[in-house]
Amino acid sequence: MTTTPPAPENQGTPSPCAGRLMRYGGPAVLLLVAGWLIWFWHYAHSPAAPDQHDEIVVTIPPATDFKTIRKILTEAGTIRHGSHFSLLARLLGVTKQLKAGDYRLVPGHTPTLILRQLARGDTVRWPITIPEGYTLAQIATLLDDKGMVRADRFLEKTHDQALIHELGLTVKNLEGYIFPDTFNLSRGMDESDVIRMMVGRQKAVLTKLYGLSGEETTNFAELPLIERQGVSLTPHDVLTLASIVERETARPEERVQVAAVFLNRLRQGMRLQADPTVIYGLPDFTGILRRDDLRSPTPYNTYVIPGLPPGPIASPGREAIEAIVLSPDQLQKKFPDLDWPALDQYLYFVSQNDRTHYFSKTLDEHNSAVGRYLKKKDEAAAADQP
């Protein structure tokens, strides 16, 4: 026979203390939680820094983790209560989505607005101008100096075949395919995005100059061959020749004349003999072009190779491209004062030492001009001597 043990005293009966906790503690906890939620909602939707009276630009470097971003914002005086800011970021699901760049934070912005701004990448855009005639190396250095990209990564991307093919090109690098213009860039932008923007501008310019609409072409390969002065040119040829013209002269009307000289020489099977192409092929150029340099067997030395070099030597501007692409009638309307009958005959030009050039039809005329202007240059140098 089993005996049921006696039940412990007070089993199943709450103590008076426990009853009071249940009666008063539960509502108190709920009130505390509700109060905290109200406070947190107020924090999330009230000015992040009530004492901020001026807009502040903060910089978030690339690959910055959330903890460091929070520290940057706190030290800049744009947020308070860092732990609550972190919790809000987790609740919004943006801790791993905040993007690098410069951000303009204005007084009155709430923590929620700040987090969403950083998650969207709504950065300050700075106008950066790429000068005409710059090479890829110069462009990379310029963008690096402005803090927009890292020069080494930018140059690496301009040789990235996957990106080049994505842009509809089959070239070794993007020399000449970046259009010299003013671009609104933000610090921390991906180098590939910067390149897409700049090459896209070049494509848009060429498409318009070719008389096409944006819907008629999707990449460079779809631009047609053109014929100028009896010479057929691909889009790559156009940019190559335009880049040489760009490096030879900065005067708009002379670009047409220089282009005519090179087209005439190509038509007659003459070497271009363009000094800028020689310089481009010399990695250690010191600033003085020597006779030995003119004989240097580089792929870009147009004193040695026939025809055009393998690609552009710089980024040509719109007017240099126009000098190649526009029809004679279009160019004549722009430059009515040029000696148009002579343009089909010019084969040479030489600097007149005043940023202009003298154009010749024959070698004898050219040699005479060279002697004349070299003499003037020597006389000017002698006059400057003490």
Protein backbone atom coordinates (compact mmCIF):
# COMPACT_ATOMS: atom_id res chain seq x y z
CA MET A 1 0.00 0.00 0.00
CA THR A 2 1.44 3.34 -1.04
CA THR A 3 1.10 6.42 0.97
CA THR A 4 0.70 9.76 -0.75
CA PRO A 5 3.06 12.23 0.85
CA PRO A 6 1.44 15.29 2.26
CA ALA A 7 1.41 18.32 0.02
CA PRO A 8 3.85 21.02 0.96
CA GLU A 9 2.40 23.93 2.74
CA ASN A 10 1.03 26.76 0.54
CA GLN A 11 1.63 24.73 -2.71
CA GLY A 12 -0.13 26.46 -5.58
CA THR A 13 -0.95 29.47 -3.48
CA PRO A 14 1.04 32.61 -4.32
CA SER A 15 2.72 34.34 -1.49
CA PRO A 16 1.47 37.80 -0.65
CA CYS A 17 4.78 39.25 -1.94
CA ALA A 18 4.52 37.46 -5.27
CA GLY A 19 0.98 38.60 -5.64
CA ARG A 20 1.94 42.18 -5.16
CA LEU A 21 4.68 41.85 -7.81
CA MET A 22 2.22 40.36 -10.25
CA ARG A 23 -0.30 43.01 -9.45
CA TYR A 24 1.97 46.05 -9.61
CA GLY A 25 5.23 44.88 -11.31
CA GLY A 26 3.69 43.79 -14.61
CA PRO A 27 2.06 47.12 -15.38
CA ALA A 28 5.17 48.93 -14.21
CA VAL A 29 7.34 46.97 -16.62
CA LEU A 30 4.88 47.65 -19.40
CA LEU A 31 4.95 51.33 -18.56
CA LEU A 32 8.74 51.32 -18.59
CA VAL A 33 8.85 49.54 -21.95
CA ALA A 34 6.21 51.84 -23.39
CA GLY A 35 8.03 54.88 -22.08
CA TRP A 36 11.31 53.70 -23.56
CA LEU A 37 9.66 52.99 -26.92
CA ILE A 38 8.13 56.45 -26.95
CA TRP A 39 11.50 57.96 -26.07
CA PHE A 40 13.26 55.89 -28.76
CA TRP A 41 10.67 56.87 -31.38
CA HIS A 42 11.20 60.47 -30.35
CA TYR A 43 15.00 60.00 -30.64
CA ALA A 44 14.70 58.46 -34.10
CA HIS A 45 12.53 61.30 -35.43
CA SER A 46 13.94 64.34 -33.65
CA PRO A 47 17.02 66.38 -34.65
CA ALA A 48 20.08 64.18 -34.23
CA ALA A 49 22.15 67.10 -32.93
CA PRO A 50 19.97 69.91 -31.51
CA ASP A 51 23.04 72.09 -31.00
CA GLN A 52 24.05 71.91 -34.69
CA HIS A 53 23.34 75.25 -36.39
CA ASP A 54 25.38 74.97 -39.60
CA GLU A 55 25.54 72.30 -42.26
CA ILE A 56 28.48 69.96 -41.87
CA VAL A 57 30.20 67.88 -44.55
CA VAL A 58 31.51 64.59 -43.22
CA THR A 59 33.65 62.14 -45.17
CA ILE A 60 33.13 58.39 -44.91
CA PRO A 61 36.20 56.64 -46.38
CA PRO A 62 35.76 53.52 -48.51
CA ALA A 63 35.42 50.19 -46.66
CA THR A 64 34.58 51.88 -43.34
CA ASP A 65 32.73 49.68 -40.83
CA PHE A 66 29.62 50.87 -39.00
CA LYS A 67 31.38 51.40 -35.67
CA THR A 68 33.87 53.77 -37.31
CA ILE A 69 31.10 55.57 -39.20
CA ARG A 70 29.27 56.14 -35.91
CA LYS A 71 32.48 57.52 -34.39
CA ILE A 72 32.99 59.89 -37.36
CA LEU A 73 29.44 61.21 -37.04
CA THR A 74 29.72 61.59 -33.28
CA GLU A 75 33.04 63.45 -33.43
CA ALA A 76 31.63 65.73 -36.13
CA GLY A 77 28.80 66.66 -33.77
CA THR A 78 26.05 65.38 -36.05
CA ILE A 79 24.64 62.62 -33.80
CA ARG A 80 24.28 61.87 -30.08
CA HIS A 81 23.59 58.69 -28.13
CA GLY A 82 25.75 56.40 -30.23
CA SER A 83 24.32 53.17 -28.77
CA HIS A 84 20.80 54.22 -29.72
CA PHE A 85 22.04 55.19 -33.18
CA SER A 86 23.48 51.68 -33.54
CA LEU A 87 20.21 50.09 -32.44
CA LEU A 88 18.25 52.24 -34.89
CA ALA A 89 20.61 51.21 -37.70
CA ARG A 90 20.04 47.53 -36.86
CA LEU A 91 16.28 48.01 -36.74
CA LEU A 92 16.37 49.72 -40.14
CA GLY A 93 18.64 46.97 -41.49
CA VAL A 94 21.27 49.37 -42.84
CA THR A 95 24.39 48.67 -40.77
CA LYS A 96 26.09 47.03 -43.75
CA GLN A 97 24.58 49.28 -46.42
CA LEU A 98 26.13 52.65 -45.56
CA LYS A 99 28.20 53.99 -48.44
CA ALA A 100 31.44 55.91 -48.61
CA GLY A 101 31.62 59.53 -49.72
CA ASP A 102 31.10 63.12 -48.59
CA TYR A 103 27.75 63.82 -46.95
CA ARG A 104 26.21 67.23 -46.35
CA LEU A 105 24.33 66.99 -43.05
CA VAL A 106 22.07 69.94 -42.35
CA PRO A 107 20.69 71.11 -38.99
CA GLY A 108 17.48 69.36 -38.07
CA HIS A 109 18.28 66.05 -39.74
CA THR A 110 17.01 63.15 -37.66
CA PRO A 111 19.01 59.97 -37.01
CA THR A 112 16.59 58.13 -39.32
CA LEU A 113 17.17 60.62 -42.14
CA ILE A 114 20.95 60.47 -41.67
CA LEU A 115 20.99 56.67 -41.84
CA ARG A 116 18.80 56.63 -44.93
CA GLN A 117 20.96 59.29 -46.58
CA LEU A 118 24.09 57.22 -45.99
CA ALA A 119 22.36 54.03 -47.13
CA ARG A 120 21.24 55.69 -50.39
CA GLY A 121 24.70 57.10 -50.99
CA ASP A 122 23.23 60.59 -51.29
CA THR A 123 26.66 62.20 -51.32
CA VAL A 124 27.98 65.65 -52.13
CA ARG A 125 28.97 65.90 -55.78
CA TRP A 126 32.07 67.93 -56.57
CA PRO A 127 32.65 69.39 -60.07
CA ILE A 128 35.93 67.97 -61.39
CA THR A 129 37.24 69.12 -64.78
CA ILE A 130 39.38 66.84 -66.94
CA PRO A 131 41.47 69.10 -69.23
CA GLU A 132 41.69 68.42 -72.94
CA GLY A 133 44.78 66.50 -73.97
CA TYR A 134 45.29 64.71 -70.65
CA THR A 135 46.53 61.13 -70.67
CA LEU A 136 45.10 58.36 -68.52
CA ALA A 137 48.02 58.73 -66.13
CA GLN A 138 47.39 62.47 -65.78
CA ILE A 139 43.66 61.93 -65.27
CA ALA A 140 44.33 59.32 -62.58
CA THR A 141 46.71 61.67 -60.76
CA LEU A 142 44.23 64.55 -60.98
CA LEU A 143 41.37 62.48 -59.56
CA ASP A 144 43.62 61.13 -56.81
CA ASP A 145 44.79 64.63 -55.87
CA LYS A 146 41.14 65.70 -55.60
CA GLY A 147 40.44 62.74 -53.33
CA MET A 148 37.93 61.18 -55.71
CA VAL A 149 39.64 57.86 -56.48
CA ARG A 150 42.92 56.09 -55.97
CA ALA A 151 45.19 56.58 -58.98
CA ASP A 152 46.47 53.00 -59.04
CA ARG A 153 42.99 51.49 -58.92
CA PHE A 154 41.71 53.91 -61.56
CA LEU A 155 44.54 53.05 -63.95
CA GLU A 156 44.04 49.34 -63.30
CA LYS A 157 40.37 49.65 -64.23
CA THR A 158 41.19 51.51 -67.46
CA HIS A 159 43.06 48.36 -68.53
CA ASP A 160 40.45 45.89 -67.20
CA GLN A 161 39.27 43.88 -70.21
CA ALA A 162 36.00 42.88 -68.55
CA LEU A 163 35.07 46.53 -68.06
CA ILE A 164 36.34 47.49 -71.51
CA HIS A 165 34.20 44.79 -73.15
CA GLU A 166 31.22 45.88 -71.05
CA LEU A 167 31.65 49.34 -72.58
CA GLY A 168 31.43 47.83 -76.06
CA LEU A 169 35.12 48.19 -76.89
CA THR A 170 37.88 45.87 -78.06
CA VAL A 171 40.95 47.91 -77.14
CA LYS A 172 43.90 47.32 -74.83
CA ASN A 173 43.11 50.30 -72.64
CA LEU A 174 40.81 53.33 -72.48
CA GLU A 175 43.34 55.97 -73.52
CA GLY A 176 41.42 58.55 -75.54
CA TYR A 177 38.02 57.14 -74.61
CA ILE A 178 37.57 59.35 -71.55
CA PHE A 179 35.99 62.59 -72.68
CA PRO A 180 37.63 65.72 -71.21
CA ASP A 181 34.80 67.56 -69.51
CA THR A 182 33.46 68.59 -66.10
CA PHE A 183 31.99 65.72 -64.10
CA ASN A 184 30.13 65.84 -60.80
CA LEU A 185 31.87 63.21 -58.69
CA SER A 186 31.73 62.16 -55.08
CA ARG A 187 34.56 60.89 -52.95
CA GLY A 188 34.50 57.17 -52.53
CA MET A 189 32.86 56.45 -55.87
CA ASP A 190 33.80 53.13 -57.36
CA GLU A 191 36.49 53.64 -59.99
CA SER A 192 34.51 51.59 -62.49
CA ASP A 193 31.49 53.89 -62.08
CA VAL A 194 33.66 56.96 -62.69
CA ILE A 195 35.06 55.39 -65.85
CA ARG A 196 31.60 54.37 -67.08
CA MET A 197 30.45 57.96 -66.67
CA MET A 198 33.43 59.45 -68.53
CA VAL A 199 33.45 56.93 -71.37
CA GLY A 200 29.68 57.29 -71.65
CA ARG A 201 30.17 61.02 -72.19
CA GLN A 202 32.63 60.29 -75.00
CA LYS A 203 30.18 57.91 -76.64
CA ALA A 204 27.40 60.51 -76.39
CA VAL A 205 29.61 63.17 -78.00
CA LEU A 206 30.65 60.89 -80.86
CA THR A 207 27.10 59.69 -81.42
CA LYS A 208 25.91 63.29 -81.78
CA LEU A 209 28.81 64.33 -84.03
CA TYR A 210 28.13 61.33 -86.26
CA GLY A 211 24.60 62.63 -86.67
CA LEU A 212 23.02 59.70 -84.82
CA SER A 213 20.60 59.59 -81.92
CA GLY A 214 21.23 57.70 -78.71
CA GLU A 215 18.71 55.05 -79.75
CA GLU A 216 20.58 54.29 -82.96
CA THR A 217 23.78 53.06 -81.34
CA THR A 218 24.53 51.20 -78.14
CA ASN A 219 28.32 51.02 -78.33
CA PHE A 220 31.32 52.34 -80.21
CA ALA A 221 31.44 49.36 -82.56
CA GLU A 222 28.12 50.43 -84.08
CA LEU A 223 29.44 53.83 -85.14
CA PRO A 224 30.01 53.82 -88.90
CA LEU A 225 33.16 54.27 -90.93
CA ILE A 226 33.64 57.79 -92.20
CA GLU A 227 35.74 59.04 -95.10
CA ARG A 228 37.64 62.31 -94.90
CA GLN A 229 39.93 63.60 -97.64
CA GLY A 230 40.03 60.15 -99.20
CA VAL A 231 40.88 58.35 -95.94
CA SER A 232 38.52 55.82 -94.32
CA LEU A 233 38.44 56.06 -90.53
CA THR A 234 36.94 53.83 -87.84
CA PRO A 235 35.79 55.44 -84.57
CA HIS A 236 39.06 54.23 -83.03
CA ASP A 237 40.99 55.91 -85.86
CA VAL A 238 39.02 59.10 -85.29
CA LEU A 239 39.93 59.27 -81.60
CA THR A 240 43.55 58.34 -82.36
CA LEU A 241 43.96 61.07 -84.96
CA ALA A 242 41.99 63.59 -82.88
CA SER A 243 44.27 62.94 -79.91
CA ILE A 244 47.33 63.78 -82.02
CA VAL A 245 45.64 66.95 -83.27
CA GLU A 246 44.79 67.84 -79.65
CA ARG A 247 48.43 67.53 -78.59
CA GLU A 248 49.73 69.50 -81.57
CA THR A 249 47.71 72.71 -81.16
CA ALA A 250 45.22 74.38 -78.84
CA ARG A 251 43.87 76.84 -81.42
CA PRO A 252 40.42 75.83 -82.77
CA GLU A 253 41.03 76.93 -86.36
CA GLU A 254 44.47 75.29 -86.42
CA ARG A 255 43.00 71.97 -85.36
CA VAL A 256 41.26 71.84 -88.74
CA GLN A 257 44.52 72.64 -90.54
CA VAL A 258 46.59 70.13 -88.54
CA ALA A 259 43.96 67.46 -89.14
CA ALA A 260 44.09 68.25 -92.86
CA VAL A 261 47.88 67.83 -92.90
CA PHE A 262 47.70 64.40 -91.28
CA LEU A 263 44.82 63.26 -93.49
CA ASN A 264 46.72 64.37 -96.59
CA ARG A 265 49.82 62.48 -95.43
CA LEU A 266 47.78 59.35 -94.72
CA ARG A 267 46.18 59.56 -98.15
CA GLN A 268 49.59 59.84 -99.83
CA GLY A 269 51.15 57.04 -97.75
CA MET A 270 53.51 59.42 -95.92
CA ARG A 271 54.47 58.90 -92.29
CA LEU A 272 52.75 61.32 -89.92
CA GLN A 273 56.02 62.33 -88.20
CA ALA A 274 54.12 63.79 -85.24
CA ASP A 275 56.33 64.65 -82.27
CA PRO A 276 53.60 64.04 -79.63
CA THR A 277 53.36 60.40 -80.69
CA VAL A 278 57.09 59.96 -80.16
CA ILE A 279 56.87 61.55 -76.72
CA TYR A 280 53.94 59.31 -75.74
CA GLY A 281 56.00 56.22 -76.52
CA LEU A 282 58.93 57.35 -74.35
CA PRO A 283 58.32 56.35 -70.71
CA ASP A 284 61.26 58.41 -69.46
CA PHE A 285 60.79 61.54 -71.56
CA THR A 286 62.70 64.43 -69.97
CA GLY A 287 61.08 67.32 -71.82
CA ILE A 288 63.61 67.59 -74.65
CA LEU A 289 63.02 65.62 -77.85
CA ARG A 290 66.31 64.42 -79.35
CA ARG A 291 67.16 63.05 -82.78
CA ASP A 292 67.75 59.61 -81.29
CA ASP A 293 64.20 59.72 -79.92
CA LEU A 294 62.85 60.22 -83.44
CA ARG A 295 64.52 56.94 -84.43
CA SER A 296 63.35 55.04 -81.35
CA PRO A 297 61.37 51.97 -82.54
CA THR A 298 58.31 52.27 -80.32
CA PRO A 299 54.79 51.35 -81.53
CA TYR A 300 53.83 55.03 -81.25
CA ASN A 301 56.76 56.58 -83.12
CA THR A 302 55.14 57.91 -86.29
CA TYR A 303 58.56 58.84 -87.64
CA VAL A 304 59.17 55.08 -87.86
CA ILE A 305 55.80 53.37 -88.26
CA PRO A 306 53.47 53.93 -91.21
CA GLY A 307 49.95 55.19 -90.70
CA LEU A 308 48.34 55.83 -87.34
CA PRO A 309 49.73 54.60 -84.01
CA PRO A 310 47.86 51.71 -82.33
CA GLY A 311 45.61 54.00 -80.32
CA PRO A 312 45.01 57.50 -78.95
CA ILE A 313 47.79 59.27 -77.08
CA ALA A 314 45.51 61.47 -74.95
CA SER A 315 41.89 62.49 -74.46
CA PRO A 316 40.87 64.69 -77.38
CA GLY A 317 38.40 67.50 -76.81
CA ARG A 318 35.26 68.16 -78.81
CA GLU A 319 36.91 70.59 -81.26
CA ALA A 320 39.74 68.17 -82.06
CA ILE A 321 37.18 65.44 -82.74
CA GLU A 322 35.09 67.83 -84.83
CA ALA A 323 38.15 68.60 -86.97
CA ILE A 324 38.09 64.94 -88.03
CA VAL A 325 34.39 64.03 -87.98
CA LEU A 326 32.57 67.09 -89.32
CA SER A 327 32.12 67.39 -93.06
CA PRO A 328 34.05 70.06 -95.01
CA ASP A 329 30.84 72.06 -95.39
CA GLN A 330 30.22 72.02 -91.65
CA LEU A 331 33.80 73.04 -90.88
CA GLN A 332 33.76 75.80 -93.50
CA LYS A 333 30.72 77.34 -91.82
CA LYS A 334 32.59 77.36 -88.51
CA PHE A 335 35.87 78.68 -89.94
CA PRO A 336 35.06 80.68 -93.09
CA ASP A 337 38.38 82.58 -93.01
CA LEU A 338 40.59 79.52 -93.56
CA ASP A 339 42.24 78.98 -96.95
CA TRP A 340 40.00 76.04 -97.84
CA PRO A 341 41.43 75.25 -101.30
CA ALA A 342 44.87 74.86 -99.69
CA LEU A 343 43.73 72.41 -97.02
CA ASP A 344 43.83 69.49 -99.44
CA GLN A 345 47.46 70.32 -100.25
CA TYR A 346 49.08 71.03 -96.88
CA LEU A 347 51.63 68.38 -95.90
CA TYR A 348 53.80 70.15 -93.31
CA PHE A 349 53.62 72.63 -90.46
CA VAL A 350 56.10 74.24 -88.07
CA SER A 351 55.74 76.30 -84.92
CA GLN A 352 56.05 80.06 -85.32
CA ASN A 353 57.09 80.31 -81.64
CA ASP A 354 53.91 82.20 -80.73
CA ARG A 355 51.57 79.23 -80.23
CA THR A 356 50.63 79.32 -83.92
CA HIS A 357 51.93 77.29 -86.87
CA TYR A 358 52.98 77.90 -90.45
CA PHE A 359 51.56 75.41 -92.96
CA SER A 360 53.36 74.36 -96.14
CA LYS A 361 52.50 72.40 -99.28
CA THR A 362 56.02 71.34 -100.29
CA LEU A 363 59.13 70.15 -98.48
CA ASP A 364 61.18 73.08 -99.82
CA GLU A 365 58.63 75.55 -98.49
CA HIS A 366 58.59 73.73 -95.16
CA ASN A 367 62.39 73.67 -94.83
CA SER A 368 62.50 77.37 -95.58
CA ALA A 369 59.89 78.02 -92.87
CA VAL A 370 61.78 75.85 -90.39
CA GLY A 371 64.98 77.79 -91.01
CA ARG A 372 63.17 81.09 -90.72
CA TYR A 373 61.47 80.35 -87.42
CA LEU A 374 64.48 78.61 -85.91
CA LYS A 375 66.51 81.72 -86.68
CA LYS A 376 63.90 83.90 -84.98
CA LYS A 377 63.91 81.57 -82.00
CA ASP A 378 67.71 81.76 -81.72
CA GLU A 379 67.62 85.56 -82.03
CA ALA A 380 64.99 85.78 -79.30
CA ALA A 381 67.05 83.52 -77.04
CA ALA A 382 70.16 85.63 -77.64
CA ALA A 383 68.25 88.81 -76.85
CA ASP A 384 67.25 87.36 -73.49
CA GLN A 385 70.87 86.77 -72.53
CA PRO A 386 72.31 89.33 -70.05
